[in-house]
């Protein structure tokens, strides 16, 4: 998985970044910010999967990394 992900839902977005292989920084929607630290890389991967599944079930879509969101391409 890449080290950053952008999830979108209508006009909202959530940016997720993996930091040092042991933490996730989650920005959004809106002004919400949160950092989650894990004890191991395995726990981090489990957390990433759980977060992606939760967001997906809530209607969030992972923005394709090969597309430029600002240009709409």
C-alpha atoms as a PDB file:
ATOM      1  CA  UNK A   1       0.000   0.000   0.000  1.00  0.00           C
ATOM      2  CA  UNK A   2       1.175   3.547  -0.597  1.00  0.00           C
ATOM      3  CA  UNK A   3       2.232   5.727   2.323  1.00  0.00           C
ATOM      4  CA  UNK A   4      -0.609   8.206   1.761  1.00  0.00           C
ATOM      5  CA  UNK A   5      -4.232   7.773   0.768  1.00  0.00           C
ATOM      6  CA  UNK A   6      -7.014  10.159  -0.109  1.00  0.00           C
ATOM      7  CA  UNK A   7     -10.594   9.092   0.513  1.00  0.00           C
ATOM      8  CA  UNK A   8     -13.442  11.182  -0.906  1.00  0.00           C
ATOM      9  CA  UNK A   9     -17.197  11.312  -0.397  1.00  0.00           C
ATOM     10  CA  UNK A  10     -19.110  13.940  -2.339  1.00  0.00           C
ATOM     11  CA  UNK A  11     -17.327  17.218  -1.468  1.00  0.00           C
ATOM     12  CA  UNK A  12     -15.502  15.889   1.626  1.00  0.00           C
ATOM     13  CA  UNK A  13     -12.079  14.293   1.876  1.00  0.00           C
ATOM     14  CA  UNK A  14      -9.961  12.390   4.372  1.00  0.00           C
ATOM     15  CA  UNK A  15      -6.179  12.268   3.954  1.00  0.00           C
ATOM     16  CA  UNK A  16      -4.372   9.360   5.638  1.00  0.00           C
ATOM     17  CA  UNK A  17      -0.590   9.269   5.945  1.00  0.00           C
ATOM     18  CA  UNK A  18       1.635   6.526   7.319  1.00  0.00           C
ATOM     19  CA  UNK A  19       4.447   8.007   9.435  1.00  0.00           C
ATOM     20  CA  UNK A  20       7.618   6.047  10.270  1.00  0.00           C
ATOM     21  CA  UNK A  21       5.853   2.721   9.702  1.00  0.00           C
ATOM     22  CA  UNK A  22       4.283   2.949  13.174  1.00  0.00           C
ATOM     23  CA  UNK A  23       1.607   5.652  13.039  1.00  0.00           C
ATOM     24  CA  UNK A  24      -1.290   6.906  10.954  1.00  0.00           C
ATOM     25  CA  UNK A  25      -2.109  10.594  10.717  1.00  0.00           C
ATOM     26  CA  UNK A  26      -5.707  11.127   9.667  1.00  0.00           C
ATOM     27  CA  UNK A  27      -6.810  14.572   8.457  1.00  0.00           C
ATOM     28  CA  UNK A  28     -10.470  15.168   7.759  1.00  0.00           C
ATOM     29  CA  UNK A  29     -13.201  15.385   7.086  1.00  0.00           C
ATOM     30  CA  UNK A  30     -13.169  19.116   7.543  1.00  0.00           C
ATOM     31  CA  UNK A  31     -10.887  20.255  10.344  1.00  0.00           C
ATOM     32  CA  UNK A  32     -10.769  16.911  12.188  1.00  0.00           C
ATOM     33  CA  UNK A  33      -7.231  15.652  12.884  1.00  0.00           C
ATOM     34  CA  UNK A  34      -6.075  12.480  14.599  1.00  0.00           C
ATOM     35  CA  UNK A  35      -2.869  10.478  15.014  1.00  0.00           C
ATOM     36  CA  UNK A  36      -2.946   6.774  15.864  1.00  0.00           C
ATOM     37  CA  UNK A  37       0.254   5.028  16.985  1.00  0.00           C
ATOM     38  CA  UNK A  38       0.804   1.279  16.763  1.00  0.00           C
ATOM     39  CA  UNK A  39       3.248  -1.004  18.571  1.00  0.00           C
ATOM     40  CA  UNK A  40       4.383  -2.813  15.428  1.00  0.00           C
ATOM     41  CA  UNK A  41       4.229  -2.664  11.659  1.00  0.00           C
ATOM     42  CA  UNK A  42       1.859  -5.658  11.700  1.00  0.00           C
ATOM     43  CA  UNK A  43      -0.568  -3.757  13.963  1.00  0.00           C
ATOM     44  CA  UNK A  44      -0.252  -0.736  11.680  1.00  0.00           C
ATOM     45  CA  UNK A  45      -1.200  -2.826   8.647  1.00  0.00           C
ATOM     46  CA  UNK A  46      -4.184  -4.265  10.509  1.00  0.00           C
ATOM     47  CA  UNK A  47      -5.207  -0.721  11.470  1.00  0.00           C
ATOM     48  CA  UNK A  48      -4.875   0.481   7.868  1.00  0.00           C
ATOM     49  CA  UNK A  49      -7.108  -2.307   6.616  1.00  0.00           C
ATOM     50  CA  UNK A  50      -9.704  -1.706   9.340  1.00  0.00           C
ATOM     51  CA  UNK A  51      -9.747   2.037   8.608  1.00  0.00           C
ATOM     52  CA  UNK A  52     -10.122   1.474   4.849  1.00  0.00           C
ATOM     53  CA  UNK A  53     -12.980  -0.986   5.429  1.00  0.00           C
ATOM     54  CA  UNK A  54     -14.723   1.408   7.831  1.00  0.00           C
ATOM     55  CA  UNK A  55     -14.420   4.332   5.436  1.00  0.00           C
ATOM     56  CA  UNK A  56     -15.530   2.226   2.471  1.00  0.00           C
ATOM     57  CA  UNK A  57     -18.626   0.992   4.300  1.00  0.00           C
ATOM     58  CA  UNK A  58     -19.402   4.644   5.129  1.00  0.00           C
ATOM     59  CA  UNK A  59     -19.475   5.604   1.452  1.00  0.00           C
ATOM     60  CA  UNK A  60     -15.890   6.888   1.197  1.00  0.00           C
ATOM     61  CA  UNK A  61     -13.988   6.082  -2.003  1.00  0.00           C
ATOM     62  CA  UNK A  62     -10.214   5.734  -2.290  1.00  0.00           C
ATOM     63  CA  UNK A  63      -9.053   8.310  -4.836  1.00  0.00           C
ATOM     64  CA  UNK A  64      -6.866   6.645  -7.473  1.00  0.00           C
ATOM     65  CA  UNK A  65      -3.236   7.716  -6.967  1.00  0.00           C
ATOM     66  CA  UNK A  66      -2.651   8.049 -10.714  1.00  0.00           C
ATOM     67  CA  UNK A  67      -5.291  10.749 -11.019  1.00  0.00           C
ATOM     68  CA  UNK A  68      -4.792  14.435 -10.220  1.00  0.00           C
ATOM     69  CA  UNK A  69      -7.814  15.414  -8.119  1.00  0.00           C
ATOM     70  CA  UNK A  70      -7.310  19.146  -8.755  1.00  0.00           C
ATOM     71  CA  UNK A  71      -7.442  18.828 -12.539  1.00  0.00           C
ATOM     72  CA  UNK A  72     -10.200  16.208 -12.564  1.00  0.00           C
ATOM     73  CA  UNK A  73      -8.075  13.835 -14.652  1.00  0.00           C
END
